[in-house]
Structures are given as C-alpha cells and as structure tokens.
Amino acid sequence: MPGGHQAYRGGPISTEPRINERIRVNEVRLVGPNGEQVGIVAIGDALRLAQEADLDLVEVAPMARPPVCKLMDYGKFKYETAQKARESRKNQVNTVIKEMKLRPKIDPHDYETKKGHVVRFLKQGDKVKITIMFRGREQSRPELGYRPLQRLAADVAELGFVESSPKQDGRNMIMVLGPHKKKTEAMAEARQAQEARKADAKANPGKSQNVAEADHDEVVADVEAPAEASAEA
C-alpha cells in the first residue's frame, strides 16, 4: 500500500514446531531423547547428533534464548499426540440436563412413574430439572408446588441432591437435582454391567437372547426418555 506497510499475503501461520534444517539459529540448548540435558551446542553439531541417532531435531521452546531443541522421533511423537487427543475427546463428557414436568395435584401412579425416570437419570449421572406447572389460580398457592418437589427430593436423596432450590417463575416452579455420582462413573458402571451380562451369556448360552433383549430395552428407554421426561402429568 502506498505510504504504508504492505499487507501480509502469505499462507496460514504454521502451528507445527520447526524441525531439522528448518531451525535457523546459530546454537541451541539441546535436550537428549530421554530428557537429559546436553547443553548449548552449535546447530550443526545438534543436527549431526540427530542424524547419528536416526532422530529428528525438534524446536520445543522457540522463544527461549537460545531456543530449546530436543532429539526425538517426530513422526512417532505426532502420532502419539494425535492418539492422546482422540482418547481425550472420547472420554470427554458433556453435562446433560434432563427435564421432568409435573402438575401440583399429580396422582400417585403418575408420581411413581415420573420418579422412576428421575431415578434413572440420576443413576446415569445426569442432572434433572423438575418443573411444576401451575394452572389458573394455582400459581397464587406456591405451597402446592413445594410439596411434590420436597417429596421428590427426599425420595431420591440417596441418588441426588437439590442443586437449585425450588423457585417460582410465573406459572412454573423449578428445582434442579444433581447426581451424587459423576457422569464418568455412571458410564463406567454401565459398561461394566453390560460386559458382565455378555460374559454371563457366553457362560450360559441359553440366556444370550435375554441379554440382547435387555440391552435393546436400555437403548429404547434412553431414546424414549426425552419424550417421557417432557410429558405432562
């Protein structure tokens, strides 16, 4: 641009470290393949050591003075780093908040059904948002909402705790239950239970059909859970 700085029009800035001949400095602080400190050496000597060991010279701390470089198998390092990243993403757990809607004057059968869903959600390590839906003049009587919420919290106390106390918001009163068990623990226990059933099926072939049906029922239950959770009493 006339009278100003020319805009940078190069390609994307690389986030990969410089390796081997791409390291353009006079000397480096060299670290051996097992983490041992070699010391400050000329770049030519560092490249020679890397070649003799059939390894790469990798710049691991470019901002240091002099830059820190390590002898390593860079291809193997990249592969292991990618594997760890994939494993980390696989084990990453997103917090899920299920929802259950109740009426203030819920009948005993519906209450037990919905409590069963809440129990299952908490066992899975999920939070549960309980919503009491008022009709007409019911919203002027908040005690009608407190009672079923307090009862439900007491009934599932072994599995969860009140994370957010009941609060009325217009026609709704909301309470959030949190699980005592972490999601990762719940998932691990579920996997162990499923593996135990499969092992039992192998030991007792006659039960294999029952195991398959049980696993199918669990999948169906999880698929149907959101619809059930949102259903009104």
Protein backbone atom coordinates (compact mmCIF):
# COMPACT_ATOMS: atom_id res chain seq x y z
CA MET A 1 0.00 0.00 0.00
CA PRO A 2 1.44 3.43 -0.93
CA GLY A 3 2.85 5.33 2.03
CA GLY A 4 2.07 2.47 4.45
CA HIS A 5 3.00 -1.04 5.43
CA GLN A 6 2.42 -3.76 2.89
CA ALA A 7 -0.25 -6.22 3.98
CA TYR A 8 0.86 -9.77 4.73
CA ARG A 9 -0.37 -12.04 1.94
CA GLY A 10 1.37 -15.27 2.87
CA GLY A 11 -0.26 -18.57 3.73
CA PRO A 12 -1.59 -19.58 7.14
CA ILE A 13 0.83 -19.40 10.05
CA SER A 14 2.04 -22.88 10.94
CA THR A 15 1.46 -24.14 14.47
CA GLU A 16 3.90 -27.02 13.98
CA PRO A 17 7.36 -26.74 15.54
CA ARG A 18 10.40 -26.23 13.36
CA ILE A 19 12.45 -29.36 12.84
CA ASN A 20 15.90 -30.22 11.50
CA GLU A 21 17.15 -27.84 8.75
CA ARG A 22 14.15 -25.51 9.29
CA ILE A 23 15.70 -24.42 12.61
CA ARG A 24 17.68 -21.36 11.52
CA VAL A 25 19.70 -20.27 14.55
CA ASN A 26 23.40 -20.47 15.36
CA GLU A 27 23.11 -22.51 18.55
CA VAL A 28 20.50 -24.32 20.63
CA ARG A 29 20.08 -25.69 24.12
CA LEU A 30 19.92 -29.40 23.40
CA VAL A 31 17.88 -32.00 25.29
CA GLY A 32 18.51 -35.69 24.65
CA PRO A 33 15.87 -38.25 23.69
CA ASN A 34 15.44 -39.35 27.31
CA GLY A 35 15.21 -35.81 28.68
CA GLU A 36 18.88 -35.48 29.59
CA GLN A 37 20.42 -32.01 29.35
CA VAL A 38 23.18 -31.94 26.74
CA GLY A 39 23.80 -28.20 26.98
CA ILE A 40 24.27 -25.38 24.49
CA VAL A 41 25.66 -26.63 21.18
CA ALA A 42 26.08 -25.27 17.66
CA ILE A 43 23.16 -26.01 15.35
CA GLY A 44 25.46 -28.03 13.08
CA ASP A 45 26.51 -30.29 15.96
CA ALA A 46 22.88 -30.73 17.06
CA LEU A 47 21.85 -31.75 13.53
CA ARG A 48 24.77 -34.18 13.34
CA LEU A 49 23.79 -35.80 16.66
CA ALA A 50 20.20 -36.14 15.43
CA GLN A 51 21.36 -37.79 12.20
CA GLU A 52 23.68 -40.18 14.03
CA ALA A 53 20.86 -41.24 16.37
CA ASP A 54 18.40 -41.53 13.44
CA LEU A 55 16.17 -38.96 15.16
CA ASP A 56 14.79 -35.51 14.44
CA LEU A 57 15.90 -32.23 15.98
CA VAL A 58 12.69 -30.55 17.17
CA GLU A 59 12.44 -26.97 18.44
CA VAL A 60 10.30 -27.26 21.60
CA ALA A 61 10.83 -23.78 23.09
CA PRO A 62 11.44 -21.29 20.25
CA MET A 63 11.18 -18.19 22.49
CA ALA A 64 13.96 -19.28 24.84
CA ARG A 65 17.45 -17.80 24.39
CA PRO A 66 18.91 -19.87 22.89
CA PRO A 67 15.95 -21.94 21.66
CA VAL A 68 15.48 -25.33 23.29
CA CYS A 69 15.56 -28.32 20.95
CA LYS A 70 15.03 -32.00 21.65
CA LEU A 71 16.14 -35.15 19.89
CA MET A 72 13.09 -37.30 19.14
CA ASP A 73 11.26 -39.37 16.54
CA TYR A 74 8.96 -36.58 15.40
CA GLY A 75 6.67 -38.81 13.33
CA LYS A 76 6.09 -41.09 16.33
CA PHE A 77 5.60 -38.05 18.58
CA LYS A 78 2.92 -36.60 16.28
CA TYR A 79 1.11 -39.95 16.08
CA GLU A 80 1.09 -40.44 19.88
CA THR A 81 -0.07 -36.84 20.43
CA ALA A 82 -2.96 -37.34 17.99
CA GLN A 83 -3.89 -40.61 19.71
CA LYS A 84 -3.97 -38.91 23.12
CA ALA A 85 -6.13 -36.09 21.73
CA ARG A 86 -8.62 -38.60 20.28
CA GLU A 87 -8.73 -40.52 23.55
CA SER A 88 -9.29 -37.30 25.46
CA ARG A 89 -12.19 -36.31 23.18
CA LYS A 90 -13.68 -39.79 23.51
CA ASN A 91 -13.60 -39.61 27.31
CA GLN A 92 -14.91 -36.07 27.41
CA VAL A 93 -18.37 -35.98 28.95
CA ASN A 94 -20.93 -33.28 28.28
CA THR A 95 -23.20 -32.30 31.11
CA VAL A 96 -26.77 -33.31 30.29
CA ILE A 97 -29.80 -31.78 31.97
CA LYS A 98 -32.93 -33.87 31.70
CA GLU A 99 -36.34 -32.35 32.37
CA MET A 100 -39.37 -33.73 34.14
CA LYS A 101 -42.69 -31.85 34.26
CA LEU A 102 -45.28 -32.39 36.97
CA ARG A 103 -48.65 -30.97 37.94
CA PRO A 104 -49.19 -29.79 41.53
CA LYS A 105 -52.00 -32.33 42.01
CA ILE A 106 -50.27 -35.31 40.45
CA ASP A 107 -51.88 -38.69 41.14
CA PRO A 108 -49.85 -41.44 42.90
CA HIS A 109 -49.37 -43.62 39.81
CA ASP A 110 -48.05 -40.75 37.67
CA TYR A 111 -45.81 -39.63 40.52
CA GLU A 112 -44.22 -43.08 40.82
CA THR A 113 -43.72 -43.25 37.04
CA LYS A 114 -42.03 -39.88 36.87
CA LYS A 115 -39.97 -40.58 39.99
CA GLY A 116 -38.73 -43.70 38.22
CA HIS A 117 -37.48 -41.57 35.33
CA VAL A 118 -35.73 -39.19 37.73
CA VAL A 119 -34.08 -42.14 39.47
CA ARG A 120 -32.82 -43.45 36.13
CA PHE A 121 -31.49 -40.06 35.08
CA LEU A 122 -29.62 -39.60 38.36
CA LYS A 123 -28.17 -43.12 38.11
CA GLN A 124 -26.86 -42.17 34.66
CA GLY A 125 -25.08 -39.19 36.24
CA ASP A 126 -27.37 -36.59 34.66
CA LYS A 127 -28.88 -33.52 36.28
CA VAL A 128 -32.66 -33.29 36.34
CA LYS A 129 -34.71 -30.10 36.06
CA ILE A 130 -38.06 -30.61 37.77
CA THR A 131 -40.80 -28.22 36.64
CA ILE A 132 -44.12 -27.84 38.41
CA MET A 133 -46.70 -26.35 36.04
CA PHE A 134 -49.47 -24.30 37.64
CA ARG A 135 -52.88 -23.69 36.16
CA GLY A 136 -55.03 -20.63 36.75
CA ARG A 137 -55.20 -19.69 40.42
CA GLU A 138 -52.76 -22.47 41.42
CA GLN A 139 -49.84 -20.08 40.88
CA SER A 140 -51.07 -17.99 43.81
CA ARG A 141 -50.54 -21.01 46.06
CA PRO A 142 -46.84 -21.87 45.85
CA GLU A 143 -47.15 -24.48 48.59
CA LEU A 144 -48.89 -26.70 46.02
CA GLY A 145 -45.61 -26.79 44.11
CA TYR A 146 -43.26 -27.04 47.10
CA ARG A 147 -44.88 -30.22 48.44
CA PRO A 148 -44.28 -32.55 45.47
CA LEU A 149 -40.81 -31.10 44.90
CA GLN A 150 -39.79 -31.63 48.53
CA ARG A 151 -41.26 -35.12 48.47
CA LEU A 152 -39.38 -36.00 45.28
CA ALA A 153 -36.09 -34.62 46.64
CA ALA A 154 -36.50 -36.74 49.76
CA ASP A 155 -37.42 -39.86 47.76
CA VAL A 156 -34.25 -39.70 45.61
CA ALA A 157 -31.89 -38.36 48.30
CA GLU A 158 -29.66 -41.44 48.04
CA LEU A 159 -29.00 -40.74 44.36
CA GLY A 160 -29.07 -36.95 44.13
CA PHE A 161 -29.18 -33.64 45.95
CA VAL A 162 -31.00 -30.35 45.49
CA GLU A 163 -28.61 -28.28 43.41
CA SER A 164 -31.07 -25.43 42.90
CA SER A 165 -33.86 -24.91 45.43
CA PRO A 166 -37.47 -24.54 44.24
CA LYS A 167 -38.14 -21.12 42.71
CA GLN A 168 -41.36 -19.89 41.20
CA ASP A 169 -41.25 -18.20 37.82
CA GLY A 170 -44.76 -17.18 36.75
CA ARG A 171 -46.77 -20.31 36.02
CA ASN A 172 -43.82 -22.62 36.73
CA MET A 173 -41.84 -23.64 39.80
CA ILE A 174 -38.41 -25.10 39.08
CA MET A 175 -35.98 -27.22 41.09
CA VAL A 176 -32.74 -28.80 39.84
CA LEU A 177 -31.43 -32.10 41.19
CA GLY A 178 -27.77 -33.01 40.80
CA PRO A 179 -26.43 -36.59 40.90
CA HIS A 180 -24.11 -37.76 43.67
CA LYS A 181 -22.39 -39.89 41.05
CA LYS A 182 -20.26 -38.30 38.34
CA LYS A 183 -21.24 -38.93 34.73
CA THR A 184 -17.96 -40.71 34.02
CA GLU A 185 -18.51 -43.07 36.97
CA ALA A 186 -22.06 -43.81 35.84
CA MET A 187 -20.90 -44.56 32.30
CA ALA A 188 -18.12 -46.84 33.58
CA GLU A 189 -20.57 -48.75 35.77
CA ALA A 190 -23.00 -49.12 32.88
CA ARG A 191 -20.24 -50.52 30.65
CA GLN A 192 -19.13 -52.93 33.38
CA ALA A 193 -22.71 -54.13 33.87
CA GLN A 194 -23.16 -54.69 30.15
CA GLU A 195 -19.85 -56.58 29.91
CA ALA A 196 -20.86 -58.71 32.90
CA ARG A 197 -24.15 -59.61 31.17
CA LYS A 198 -22.32 -60.55 27.98
CA ALA A 199 -19.84 -62.69 29.92
CA ASP A 200 -22.73 -64.42 31.66
CA ALA A 201 -24.41 -65.01 28.30
CA LYS A 202 -21.27 -66.72 26.96
CA ALA A 203 -21.13 -68.94 30.04
CA ASN A 204 -24.87 -69.64 29.73
CA PRO A 205 -25.79 -69.63 26.00
CA GLY A 206 -29.47 -70.04 26.80
CA LYS A 207 -29.50 -66.56 28.34
CA SER A 208 -27.98 -64.81 25.32
CA GLN A 209 -31.38 -63.86 23.90
CA ASN A 210 -32.40 -62.33 27.23
CA VAL A 211 -29.17 -60.31 27.37
CA ALA A 212 -29.72 -58.99 23.87
CA GLU A 213 -33.30 -58.04 24.73
CA ALA A 214 -32.16 -56.30 27.94
CA ASP A 215 -29.57 -54.26 26.06
CA HIS A 216 -32.17 -53.38 23.43
CA ASP A 217 -34.62 -52.29 26.11
CA GLU A 218 -31.96 -49.99 27.62
CA VAL A 219 -31.33 -48.38 24.25
CA VAL A 220 -35.05 -47.93 23.61
CA ALA A 221 -35.52 -46.48 27.10
CA ASP A 222 -32.76 -43.92 26.50
CA VAL A 223 -34.25 -42.94 23.14
CA GLU A 224 -37.71 -42.53 24.62
CA ALA A 225 -36.53 -40.75 27.78
CA PRO A 226 -36.67 -37.16 26.44
CA ALA A 227 -40.25 -37.60 25.28
CA GLU A 228 -41.25 -39.13 28.58
CA ALA A 229 -39.38 -36.50 30.54
CA SER A 230 -41.22 -33.71 28.81
CA ALA A 231 -44.62 -35.29 29.14
CA GLU A 232 -47.06 -33.57 31.40
CA ALA A 233 -48.62 -35.34 34.33
